Amino acid sequence: MTDALARARDALARLVVDVPDHPEPGVVFKDITPLLADPAGLAAVVAGLASAGVHPDGAPRVDVVVGMEARGFILAAPVALALGAGFVPVRKAGKLPREVHAVSYDLEYGSATLELHRDAVAPGDRVLLVDDVLATGGTARATADLVEACGASVVGVAVLMDLAFLPWREALGDVEVTSLLTVG
């Protein structure tokens, strides 16, 4: 494990607060707002997530960082800056003003549609996807499909935490995943 990943995992352990029975009984919500409010903790997490976008020699291996609405935006933009890469948002249906690619997918409790501007990433671009939580993998898979529809390739997914008890790996196949915390 790199120093950046170790520092990021320490920050998560110290600053993410468990909120029992939210949003419904039996669910333990992971509140990241204390992490976001702590400059050193946030910097550690950004560095940990950004480590997914560099080669072992330290050279960037991505051209663009894509963040998923909405908390993915908070994390993906500073990760893009850390990597010297562009930032591109993936939005819910109807939020982007120009021509888009769209993908609909199933959630645990319904369905959703995500959109990406058709010219947001270029053919051949290498893309890192960033979000806060990886659960069923549906949002990450849909985002990867949007990136690939533009002719770009997904080199990895970086998340604050993954929920090991949900089947996200089935949705992502062999896509490389960097998770700072596995919840169990």
Protein backbone atom coordinates (compact mmCIF):
# COMPACT_ATOMS: atom_id res chain seq x y z
CA MET A 1 0.00 0.00 0.00
CA THR A 2 1.30 3.44 -0.89
CA ASP A 3 1.75 6.21 1.67
CA ALA A 4 -1.04 8.17 -0.03
CA LEU A 5 -3.48 5.29 0.37
CA ALA A 6 -2.47 4.75 4.00
CA ARG A 7 -2.99 8.45 4.84
CA ALA A 8 -6.35 8.46 3.02
CA ARG A 9 -7.54 5.38 4.89
CA ASP A 10 -6.48 6.92 8.19
CA ALA A 11 -8.43 10.10 7.39
CA LEU A 12 -11.54 8.07 6.56
CA ALA A 13 -11.25 6.09 9.79
CA ARG A 14 -10.97 9.31 11.83
CA LEU A 15 -13.45 11.53 10.04
CA VAL A 16 -16.32 9.49 8.57
CA VAL A 17 -19.18 9.30 11.05
CA ASP A 18 -21.58 6.35 11.24
CA VAL A 19 -25.21 7.46 11.54
CA PRO A 20 -27.40 4.52 12.58
CA ASP A 21 -30.90 4.09 11.16
CA HIS A 22 -30.53 6.69 8.42
CA PRO A 23 -32.28 7.00 6.03
CA GLU A 24 -34.28 4.04 7.37
CA PRO A 25 -34.09 1.59 10.28
CA GLY A 26 -31.26 -0.92 9.98
CA VAL A 27 -29.13 1.21 7.64
CA VAL A 28 -25.85 2.70 8.87
CA PHE A 29 -25.19 5.87 6.85
CA LYS A 30 -21.56 6.90 6.34
CA ASP A 31 -21.50 10.69 6.76
CA ILE A 32 -18.52 12.19 4.88
CA THR A 33 -19.23 15.83 5.73
CA PRO A 34 -16.72 15.89 8.63
CA LEU A 35 -14.09 14.60 6.19
CA LEU A 36 -14.94 17.31 3.67
CA ALA A 37 -14.68 19.98 6.39
CA ASP A 38 -11.18 18.88 7.42
CA PRO A 39 -8.56 20.32 5.00
CA ALA A 40 -5.86 17.78 5.90
CA GLY A 41 -8.28 14.85 5.73
CA LEU A 42 -9.72 15.99 2.43
CA ALA A 43 -6.23 16.48 0.99
CA ALA A 44 -5.27 12.96 2.09
CA VAL A 45 -8.36 11.47 0.48
CA VAL A 46 -7.82 13.39 -2.76
CA ALA A 47 -4.23 12.13 -2.90
CA GLY A 48 -5.39 8.57 -2.21
CA LEU A 49 -8.02 8.71 -4.95
CA ALA A 50 -5.57 10.36 -7.36
CA SER A 51 -3.12 7.49 -6.84
CA ALA A 52 -5.46 5.41 -9.04
CA GLY A 53 -4.64 7.75 -11.93
CA VAL A 54 -0.85 7.42 -11.94
CA HIS A 55 1.60 4.78 -13.11
CA PRO A 56 4.00 3.27 -10.56
CA ASP A 57 6.68 5.72 -11.79
CA GLY A 58 4.38 8.64 -10.90
CA ALA A 59 3.42 9.61 -14.45
CA PRO A 60 -0.29 10.35 -14.99
CA ARG A 61 -2.17 7.62 -16.81
CA VAL A 62 -5.39 9.56 -17.34
CA ASP A 63 -6.47 12.51 -19.47
CA VAL A 64 -9.86 13.10 -17.87
CA VAL A 65 -11.49 12.49 -14.49
CA VAL A 66 -15.24 11.90 -14.59
CA GLY A 67 -17.33 12.50 -11.46
CA MET A 68 -20.82 11.16 -10.96
CA GLU A 69 -23.61 13.33 -9.61
CA ALA A 70 -23.59 14.54 -6.96
CA ARG A 71 -21.00 13.67 -4.33
CA GLY A 72 -18.65 12.37 -7.00
CA PHE A 73 -18.34 15.99 -8.21
CA ILE A 74 -16.96 17.07 -4.83
CA LEU A 75 -14.19 14.48 -5.02
CA ALA A 76 -13.50 14.24 -8.76
CA ALA A 77 -12.72 17.92 -9.37
CA PRO A 78 -9.78 18.11 -6.92
CA VAL A 79 -8.59 14.66 -8.08
CA ALA A 80 -8.50 16.02 -11.64
CA LEU A 81 -6.47 19.02 -10.48
CA ALA A 82 -4.05 16.75 -8.62
CA LEU A 83 -3.54 14.72 -11.80
CA GLY A 84 -3.31 17.68 -14.17
CA ALA A 85 -6.34 16.27 -15.97
CA GLY A 86 -9.67 17.69 -17.04
CA PHE A 87 -12.84 17.22 -14.98
CA VAL A 88 -16.12 16.15 -16.58
CA PRO A 89 -19.44 15.75 -14.74
CA VAL A 90 -21.93 12.97 -15.45
CA ARG A 91 -25.39 14.29 -14.65
CA LYS A 92 -28.89 13.04 -14.09
CA ALA A 93 -31.22 13.29 -17.10
CA GLY A 94 -32.12 16.77 -18.29
CA LYS A 95 -29.36 18.68 -16.46
CA LEU A 96 -26.87 19.15 -19.32
CA PRO A 97 -27.61 21.85 -21.90
CA ARG A 98 -26.09 20.37 -25.07
CA GLU A 99 -26.26 17.12 -27.04
CA VAL A 100 -25.68 14.11 -24.78
CA HIS A 101 -25.20 10.38 -24.64
CA ALA A 102 -27.69 8.85 -22.18
CA VAL A 103 -27.80 5.52 -20.35
CA SER A 104 -30.63 4.20 -18.19
CA TYR A 105 -29.92 1.62 -15.51
CA ASP A 106 -31.49 -0.08 -12.51
CA LEU A 107 -30.94 0.98 -8.92
CA GLU A 108 -31.74 -0.92 -5.74
CA TYR A 109 -35.11 0.84 -5.54
CA GLY A 110 -35.96 1.91 -9.09
CA SER A 111 -34.13 3.18 -12.15
CA ALA A 112 -32.20 6.25 -13.26
CA THR A 113 -30.74 7.85 -16.36
CA LEU A 114 -27.31 9.46 -16.56
CA GLU A 115 -26.07 11.79 -19.28
CA LEU A 116 -22.69 12.96 -20.58
CA HIS A 117 -22.09 15.67 -23.19
CA ARG A 118 -21.18 13.96 -26.46
CA ASP A 119 -18.01 16.02 -26.73
CA ALA A 120 -17.02 15.84 -23.04
CA VAL A 121 -14.33 13.23 -23.61
CA ALA A 122 -12.52 12.59 -26.88
CA PRO A 123 -11.92 9.31 -28.65
CA GLY A 124 -8.77 7.78 -27.18
CA ASP A 125 -8.96 9.67 -23.89
CA ARG A 126 -8.01 7.65 -20.80
CA VAL A 127 -10.59 8.22 -18.08
CA LEU A 128 -10.70 7.70 -14.31
CA LEU A 129 -14.18 7.50 -12.77
CA VAL A 130 -14.54 8.95 -9.24
CA ASP A 131 -17.43 8.64 -6.80
CA ASP A 132 -18.03 8.43 -3.08
CA VAL A 133 -19.59 4.96 -2.69
CA LEU A 134 -19.58 1.86 -4.84
CA ALA A 135 -22.66 -0.23 -4.01
CA THR A 136 -24.34 -2.24 -6.77
CA GLY A 137 -22.02 -0.83 -9.43
CA GLY A 138 -24.91 0.38 -11.57
CA THR A 139 -23.90 4.04 -11.59
CA ALA A 140 -20.26 3.24 -12.30
CA ARG A 141 -21.21 0.79 -15.08
CA ALA A 142 -23.57 3.33 -16.67
CA THR A 143 -20.87 6.00 -16.48
CA ALA A 144 -18.32 3.67 -18.07
CA ASP A 145 -20.81 2.98 -20.87
CA LEU A 146 -21.20 6.73 -21.46
CA VAL A 147 -17.43 7.24 -21.58
CA GLU A 148 -17.05 4.35 -24.02
CA ALA A 149 -19.87 5.76 -26.20
CA CYS A 150 -17.59 8.79 -26.73
CA GLY A 151 -14.76 6.50 -27.88
CA ALA A 152 -12.71 6.90 -24.69
CA SER A 153 -11.55 4.16 -22.35
CA VAL A 154 -12.00 3.72 -18.61
CA VAL A 155 -8.68 2.97 -16.91
CA GLY A 156 -10.17 2.65 -13.44
CA VAL A 157 -12.70 3.58 -10.82
CA ALA A 158 -11.68 5.30 -7.57
CA VAL A 159 -14.09 5.57 -4.63
CA LEU A 160 -14.01 6.53 -0.98
CA MET A 161 -15.66 3.28 -0.01
CA ASP A 162 -17.16 0.12 -1.45
CA LEU A 163 -19.91 -1.95 0.09
CA ALA A 164 -18.49 -5.47 -0.01
CA PHE A 165 -21.86 -7.05 0.77
CA LEU A 166 -23.33 -5.77 -2.52
CA PRO A 167 -22.52 -7.18 -5.99
CA TRP A 168 -20.67 -4.23 -7.55
CA ARG A 169 -17.93 -6.45 -9.01
CA GLU A 170 -20.50 -8.20 -11.23
CA ALA A 171 -21.41 -4.87 -12.84
CA LEU A 172 -17.82 -3.72 -13.35
CA GLY A 173 -16.19 -6.94 -14.49
CA ASP A 174 -12.43 -6.53 -14.75
CA VAL A 175 -12.35 -2.72 -14.42
CA GLU A 176 -9.62 -1.76 -11.94
CA VAL A 177 -11.13 -0.43 -8.71
CA THR A 178 -9.34 1.60 -6.03
CA SER A 179 -11.39 1.80 -2.86
CA LEU A 180 -10.08 3.61 0.20
CA LEU A 181 -12.39 1.74 2.60
CA THR A 182 -14.27 -1.54 2.30
CA VAL A 183 -17.47 -1.67 4.34
CA GLY A 184 -18.48 -5.02 5.27
